Amino acid sequence: MATYINRGITNYAKENGITVKNNDEIYVLVQNNKEESKIYEYQIEHSKSHKVEIPSRTLAVIIIKI
């Protein structure tokens, strides 16, 4: 996976994880593939409450306040 930009969110993908920074929170998502990560990115970008539903097959979601 590579570094890429999607709808104004800077994303850093490494191995099987992806970090999405939105405002002052960093979401670290561990998922199966890039297509899944794009779904999560869209949800994060358009969520007013920063609550994103993640399927149970996803291993972890870590939200870091900065």
PDB file of N, CA and C in Angstrom:
ATOM      1  N   MET A   1       0.844  -1.178   0.000  1.00  0.00           N
ATOM      2  CA  MET A   1       0.000   0.000   0.000  1.00  0.00           C
ATOM      3  C   MET A   1       0.887   1.238   0.000  1.00  0.00           C
ATOM      4  N   ALA A   2       0.336   2.338  -0.451  1.00  0.00           N
ATOM      5  CA  ALA A   2       1.123   3.557  -0.591  1.00  0.00           C
ATOM      6  C   ALA A   2       0.421   4.730   0.069  1.00  0.00           C
ATOM      7  N   THR A   3       1.158   5.802   0.221  1.00  0.00           N
ATOM      8  CA  THR A   3       0.568   7.037   0.731  1.00  0.00           C
ATOM      9  C   THR A   3      -0.296   7.650  -0.372  1.00  0.00           C
ATOM     10  N   TYR A   4      -1.492   8.102  -0.022  1.00  0.00           N
ATOM     11  CA  TYR A   4      -2.367   8.702  -1.014  1.00  0.00           C
ATOM     12  C   TYR A   4      -3.301   9.700  -0.342  1.00  0.00           C
ATOM     13  N   ILE A   5      -3.904  10.557  -1.138  1.00  0.00           N
ATOM     14  CA  ILE A   5      -4.824  11.578  -0.633  1.00  0.00           C
ATOM     15  C   ILE A   5      -6.229  11.236  -1.116  1.00  0.00           C
ATOM     16  N   ASN A   6      -7.201  11.337  -0.224  1.00  0.00           N
ATOM     17  CA  ASN A   6      -8.585  11.033  -0.579  1.00  0.00           C
ATOM     18  C   ASN A   6      -9.506  12.063   0.053  1.00  0.00           C
ATOM     19  N   ARG A   7     -10.153  12.883  -0.772  1.00  0.00           N
ATOM     20  CA  ARG A   7     -11.144  13.866  -0.311  1.00  0.00           C
ATOM     21  C   ARG A   7     -10.635  14.734   0.838  1.00  0.00           C
ATOM     22  N   GLY A   8      -9.399  15.194   0.726  1.00  0.00           N
ATOM     23  CA  GLY A   8      -8.893  16.141   1.709  1.00  0.00           C
ATOM     24  C   GLY A   8      -8.362  15.535   2.981  1.00  0.00           C
ATOM     25  N   ILE A   9      -8.441  14.221   3.130  1.00  0.00           N
ATOM     26  CA  ILE A   9      -7.889  13.584   4.318  1.00  0.00           C
ATOM     27  C   ILE A   9      -6.536  13.006   3.944  1.00  0.00           C
ATOM     28  N   THR A  10      -5.540  13.267   4.769  1.00  0.00           N
ATOM     29  CA  THR A  10      -4.234  12.676   4.524  1.00  0.00           C
ATOM     30  C   THR A  10      -4.213  11.287   5.133  1.00  0.00           C
ATOM     31  N   ASN A  11      -3.884  10.320   4.343  1.00  0.00           N
ATOM     32  CA  ASN A  11      -3.895   8.930   4.790  1.00  0.00           C
ATOM     33  C   ASN A  11      -2.501   8.346   4.673  1.00  0.00           C
ATOM     34  N   TYR A  12      -2.095   7.612   5.670  1.00  0.00           N
ATOM     35  CA  TYR A  12      -0.814   6.916   5.598  1.00  0.00           C
ATOM     36  C   TYR A  12      -1.075   5.441   5.804  1.00  0.00           C
ATOM     37  N   ALA A  13      -0.871   4.660   4.769  1.00  0.00           N
ATOM     38  CA  ALA A  13      -1.133   3.226   4.834  1.00  0.00           C
ATOM     39  C   ALA A  13       0.186   2.477   4.883  1.00  0.00           C
ATOM     40  N   LYS A  14       0.294   1.544   5.797  1.00  0.00           N
ATOM     41  CA  LYS A  14       1.512   0.755   5.930  1.00  0.00           C
ATOM     42  C   LYS A  14       1.119  -0.667   6.295  1.00  0.00           C
ATOM     43  N   GLU A  15       1.635  -1.615   5.555  1.00  0.00           N
ATOM     44  CA  GLU A  15       1.312  -3.018   5.754  1.00  0.00           C
ATOM     45  C   GLU A  15      -0.201  -3.192   5.712  1.00  0.00           C
ATOM     46  N   ASN A  16      -0.814  -3.716   6.768  1.00  0.00           N
ATOM     47  CA  ASN A  16      -2.260  -3.945   6.727  1.00  0.00           C
ATOM     48  C   ASN A  16      -3.026  -2.918   7.549  1.00  0.00           C
ATOM     49  N   GLY A  17      -2.387  -1.795   7.852  1.00  0.00           N
ATOM     50  CA  GLY A  17      -3.065  -0.766   8.634  1.00  0.00           C
ATOM     51  C   GLY A  17      -3.126   0.546   7.884  1.00  0.00           C
ATOM     52  N   ILE A  18      -4.001   1.429   8.312  1.00  0.00           N
ATOM     53  CA  ILE A  18      -4.088   2.758   7.715  1.00  0.00           C
ATOM     54  C   ILE A  18      -4.401   3.757   8.809  1.00  0.00           C
ATOM     55  N   THR A  19      -3.784   4.919   8.733  1.00  0.00           N
ATOM     56  CA  THR A  19      -4.045   5.990   9.681  1.00  0.00           C
ATOM     57  C   THR A  19      -4.763   7.117   8.948  1.00  0.00           C
ATOM     58  N   VAL A  20      -5.878   7.557   9.490  1.00  0.00           N
ATOM     59  CA  VAL A  20      -6.648   8.639   8.904  1.00  0.00           C
ATOM     60  C   VAL A  20      -6.678   9.787   9.900  1.00  0.00           C
ATOM     61  N   LYS A  21      -6.185  10.956   9.493  1.00  0.00           N
ATOM     62  CA  LYS A  21      -6.216  12.122  10.371  1.00  0.00           C
ATOM     63  C   LYS A  21      -7.379  13.011   9.956  1.00  0.00           C
ATOM     64  N   ASN A  22      -8.242  13.334  10.910  1.00  0.00           N
ATOM     65  CA  ASN A  22      -9.383  14.203  10.661  1.00  0.00           C
ATOM     66  C   ASN A  22      -9.480  15.177  11.823  1.00  0.00           C
ATOM     67  N   ASN A  23      -9.297  16.459  11.532  1.00  0.00           N
ATOM     68  CA  ASN A  23      -9.269  17.492  12.565  1.00  0.00           C
ATOM     69  C   ASN A  23      -8.173  17.161  13.573  1.00  0.00           C
ATOM     70  N   ASP A  24      -8.500  17.005  14.828  1.00  0.00           N
ATOM     71  CA  ASP A  24      -7.491  16.743  15.850  1.00  0.00           C
ATOM     72  C   ASP A  24      -7.528  15.307  16.345  1.00  0.00           C
ATOM     73  N   GLU A  25      -8.035  14.406  15.544  1.00  0.00           N
ATOM     74  CA  GLU A  25      -8.072  13.002  15.928  1.00  0.00           C
ATOM     75  C   GLU A  25      -7.386  12.175  14.856  1.00  0.00           C
ATOM     76  N   ILE A  26      -6.680  11.158  15.284  1.00  0.00           N
ATOM     77  CA  ILE A  26      -6.054  10.233  14.351  1.00  0.00           C
ATOM     78  C   ILE A  26      -6.708   8.875  14.540  1.00  0.00           C
ATOM     79  N   TYR A  27      -7.221   8.330  13.452  1.00  0.00           N
ATOM     80  CA  TYR A  27      -7.845   7.014  13.487  1.00  0.00           C
ATOM     81  C   TYR A  27      -6.869   6.009  12.887  1.00  0.00           C
ATOM     82  N   VAL A  28      -6.526   4.997  13.647  1.00  0.00           N
ATOM     83  CA  VAL A  28      -5.660   3.939  13.139  1.00  0.00           C
ATOM     84  C   VAL A  28      -6.544   2.722  12.884  1.00  0.00           C
ATOM     85  N   LEU A  29      -6.699   2.379  11.626  1.00  0.00           N
ATOM     86  CA  LEU A  29      -7.593   1.295  11.256  1.00  0.00           C
ATOM     87  C   LEU A  29      -6.776   0.113  10.766  1.00  0.00           C
ATOM     88  N   VAL A  30      -7.102  -1.056  11.254  1.00  0.00           N
ATOM     89  CA  VAL A  30      -6.471  -2.278  10.764  1.00  0.00           C
ATOM     90  C   VAL A  30      -7.541  -3.040  10.002  1.00  0.00           C
ATOM     91  N   GLN A  31      -7.350  -3.194   8.714  1.00  0.00           N
ATOM     92  CA  GLN A  31      -8.371  -3.802   7.883  1.00  0.00           C
ATOM     93  C   GLN A  31      -7.733  -4.708   6.847  1.00  0.00           C
ATOM     94  N   ASN A  32      -8.581  -5.357   6.063  1.00  0.00           N
ATOM     95  CA  ASN A  32      -8.100  -6.368   5.128  1.00  0.00           C
ATOM     96  C   ASN A  32      -7.509  -5.802   3.844  1.00  0.00           C
ATOM     97  N   ASN A  33      -8.045  -4.693   3.355  1.00  0.00           N
ATOM     98  CA  ASN A  33      -7.559  -4.191   2.073  1.00  0.00           C
ATOM     99  C   ASN A  33      -7.854  -2.707   1.904  1.00  0.00           C
ATOM    100  N   LYS A  34      -7.321  -2.138   0.831  1.00  0.00           N
ATOM    101  CA  LYS A  34      -7.468  -0.705   0.574  1.00  0.00           C
ATOM    102  C   LYS A  34      -8.919  -0.324   0.305  1.00  0.00           C
ATOM    103  N   GLU A  35      -9.688  -1.211  -0.323  1.00  0.00           N
ATOM    104  CA  GLU A  35     -11.090  -0.908  -0.605  1.00  0.00           C
ATOM    105  C   GLU A  35     -11.873  -0.716   0.697  1.00  0.00           C
ATOM    106  N   GLU A  36     -11.632  -1.579   1.676  1.00  0.00           N
ATOM    107  CA  GLU A  36     -12.290  -1.417   2.976  1.00  0.00           C
ATOM    108  C   GLU A  36     -11.868  -0.107   3.624  1.00  0.00           C
ATOM    109  N   SER A  37     -10.604   0.212   3.552  1.00  0.00           N
ATOM    110  CA  SER A  37     -10.130   1.427   4.207  1.00  0.00           C
ATOM    111  C   SER A  37     -10.787   2.659   3.608  1.00  0.00           C
ATOM    112  N   LYS A  38     -11.040   2.661   2.307  1.00  0.00           N
ATOM    113  CA  LYS A  38     -11.697   3.808   1.685  1.00  0.00           C
ATOM    114  C   LYS A  38     -13.117   3.987   2.229  1.00  0.00           C
ATOM    115  N   ILE A  39     -13.807   2.883   2.514  1.00  0.00           N
ATOM    116  CA  ILE A  39     -15.144   2.973   3.101  1.00  0.00           C
ATOM    117  C   ILE A  39     -15.060   3.647   4.471  1.00  0.00           C
ATOM    118  N   TYR A  40     -14.078   3.237   5.286  1.00  0.00           N
ATOM    119  CA  TYR A  40     -13.924   3.831   6.612  1.00  0.00           C
ATOM    120  C   TYR A  40     -13.566   5.303   6.508  1.00  0.00           C
ATOM    121  N   GLU A  41     -12.689   5.649   5.567  1.00  0.00           N
ATOM    122  CA  GLU A  41     -12.290   7.040   5.386  1.00  0.00           C
ATOM    123  C   GLU A  41     -13.494   7.906   5.050  1.00  0.00           C
ATOM    124  N   TYR A  42     -14.359   7.422   4.171  1.00  0.00           N
ATOM    125  CA  TYR A  42     -15.544   8.175   3.788  1.00  0.00           C
ATOM    126  C   TYR A  42     -16.442   8.392   5.001  1.00  0.00           C
ATOM    127  N   GLN A  43     -16.612   7.336   5.808  1.00  0.00           N
ATOM    128  CA  GLN A  43     -17.457   7.450   6.999  1.00  0.00           C
ATOM    129  C   GLN A  43     -16.871   8.460   7.981  1.00  0.00           C
ATOM    130  N   ILE A  44     -15.567   8.407   8.179  1.00  0.00           N
ATOM    131  CA  ILE A  44     -14.929   9.339   9.114  1.00  0.00           C
ATOM    132  C   ILE A  44     -15.078  10.769   8.621  1.00  0.00           C
ATOM    133  N   GLU A  45     -14.835  10.989   7.332  1.00  0.00           N
ATOM    134  CA  GLU A  45     -14.892  12.342   6.790  1.00  0.00           C
ATOM    135  C   GLU A  45     -16.286  12.942   6.913  1.00  0.00           C
ATOM    136  N   HIS A  46     -17.320  12.130   6.750  1.00  0.00           N
ATOM    137  CA  HIS A  46     -18.683  12.640   6.733  1.00  0.00           C
ATOM    138  C   HIS A  46     -19.429  12.436   8.051  1.00  0.00           C
ATOM    139  N   SER A  47     -18.738  11.974   9.070  1.00  0.00           N
ATOM    140  CA  SER A  47     -19.373  11.758  10.363  1.00  0.00           C
ATOM    141  C   SER A  47     -19.196  12.988  11.237  1.00  0.00           C
ATOM    142  N   LYS A  48     -20.288  13.571  11.687  1.00  0.00           N
ATOM    143  CA  LYS A  48     -20.209  14.752  12.545  1.00  0.00           C
ATOM    144  C   LYS A  48     -19.794  14.386  13.957  1.00  0.00           C
ATOM    145  N   SER A  49     -20.082  13.163  14.359  1.00  0.00           N
ATOM    146  CA  SER A  49     -19.763  12.744  15.724  1.00  0.00           C
ATOM    147  C   SER A  49     -18.464  11.946  15.790  1.00  0.00           C
ATOM    148  N   HIS A  50     -17.824  11.740  14.646  1.00  0.00           N
ATOM    149  CA  HIS A  50     -16.591  10.947  14.576  1.00  0.00           C
ATOM    150  C   HIS A  50     -16.826   9.507  15.004  1.00  0.00           C
ATOM    151  N   LYS A  51     -18.078   9.047  14.968  1.00  0.00           N
ATOM    152  CA  LYS A  51     -18.359   7.648  15.282  1.00  0.00           C
ATOM    153  C   LYS A  51     -18.485   6.894  13.968  1.00  0.00           C
ATOM    154  N   VAL A  52     -17.694   5.866  13.825  1.00  0.00           N
ATOM    155  CA  VAL A  52     -17.671   5.102  12.587  1.00  0.00           C
ATOM    156  C   VAL A  52     -17.902   3.637  12.907  1.00  0.00           C
ATOM    157  N   GLU A  53     -18.838   3.017  12.200  1.00  0.00           N
ATOM    158  CA  GLU A  53     -19.089   1.594  12.408  1.00  0.00           C
ATOM    159  C   GLU A  53     -18.052   0.785  11.645  1.00  0.00           C
ATOM    160  N   ILE A  54     -17.396  -0.123  12.354  1.00  0.00           N
ATOM    161  CA  ILE A  54     -16.354  -0.950  11.767  1.00  0.00           C
ATOM    162  C   ILE A  54     -16.799  -2.407  11.840  1.00  0.00           C
ATOM    163  N   PRO A  55     -16.713  -3.143  10.743  1.00  0.00           N
ATOM    164  CA  PRO A  55     -17.113  -4.558  10.770  1.00  0.00           C
ATOM    165  C   PRO A  55     -16.293  -5.361  11.769  1.00  0.00           C
ATOM    166  N   SER A  56     -16.875  -6.441  12.249  1.00  0.00           N
ATOM    167  CA  SER A  56     -16.209  -7.247  13.268  1.00  0.00           C
ATOM    168  C   SER A  56     -14.935  -7.907  12.747  1.00  0.00           C
ATOM    169  N   ARG A  57     -14.812  -8.074  11.429  1.00  0.00           N
ATOM    170  CA  ARG A  57     -13.600  -8.701  10.894  1.00  0.00           C
ATOM    171  C   ARG A  57     -12.398  -7.762  10.961  1.00  0.00           C
ATOM    172  N   THR A  58     -12.654  -6.482  11.213  1.00  0.00           N
ATOM    173  CA  THR A  58     -11.556  -5.541  11.388  1.00  0.00           C
ATOM    174  C   THR A  58     -10.929  -5.787  12.748  1.00  0.00           C
ATOM    175  N   LEU A  59      -9.625  -5.809  12.788  1.00  0.00           N
ATOM    176  CA  LEU A  59      -8.948  -6.192  14.017  1.00  0.00           C
ATOM    177  C   LEU A  59      -8.964  -5.105  15.076  1.00  0.00           C
ATOM    178  N   ALA A  60      -8.807  -3.848  14.670  1.00  0.00           N
ATOM    179  CA  ALA A  60      -8.696  -2.800  15.683  1.00  0.00           C
ATOM    180  C   ALA A  60      -9.004  -1.441  15.094  1.00  0.00           C
ATOM    181  N   VAL A  61      -9.561  -0.583  15.932  1.00  0.00           N
ATOM    182  CA  VAL A  61      -9.713   0.830  15.606  1.00  0.00           C
ATOM    183  C   VAL A  61      -9.211   1.601  16.813  1.00  0.00           C
ATOM    184  N   ILE A  62      -8.219   2.427  16.610  1.00  0.00           N
ATOM    185  CA  ILE A  62      -7.640   3.198  17.706  1.00  0.00           C
ATOM    186  C   ILE A  62      -7.834   4.670  17.386  1.00  0.00           C
ATOM    187  N   ILE A  63      -8.470   5.409  18.287  1.00  0.00           N
ATOM    188  CA  ILE A  63      -8.676   6.841  18.089  1.00  0.00           C
ATOM    189  C   ILE A  63      -7.764   7.583  19.053  1.00  0.00           C
ATOM    190  N   ILE A  64      -6.896   8.417  18.508  1.00  0.00           N
ATOM    191  CA  ILE A  64      -5.931   9.151  19.319  1.00  0.00           C
ATOM    192  C   ILE A  64      -6.266  10.634  19.249  1.00  0.00           C
ATOM    193  N   LYS A  65      -6.538  11.245  20.386  1.00  0.00           N
ATOM    194  CA  LYS A  65      -6.784  12.683  20.436  1.00  0.00           C
ATOM    195  C   LYS A  65      -5.442  13.389  20.480  1.00  0.00           C
ATOM    196  N   ILE A  66      -5.262  14.396  19.583  1.00  0.00           N
ATOM    197  CA  ILE A  66      -3.999  15.138  19.593  1.00  0.00           C
ATOM    198  C   ILE A  66      -4.247  16.615  19.811  1.00  0.00           C
TER     199      ILE A  66
END
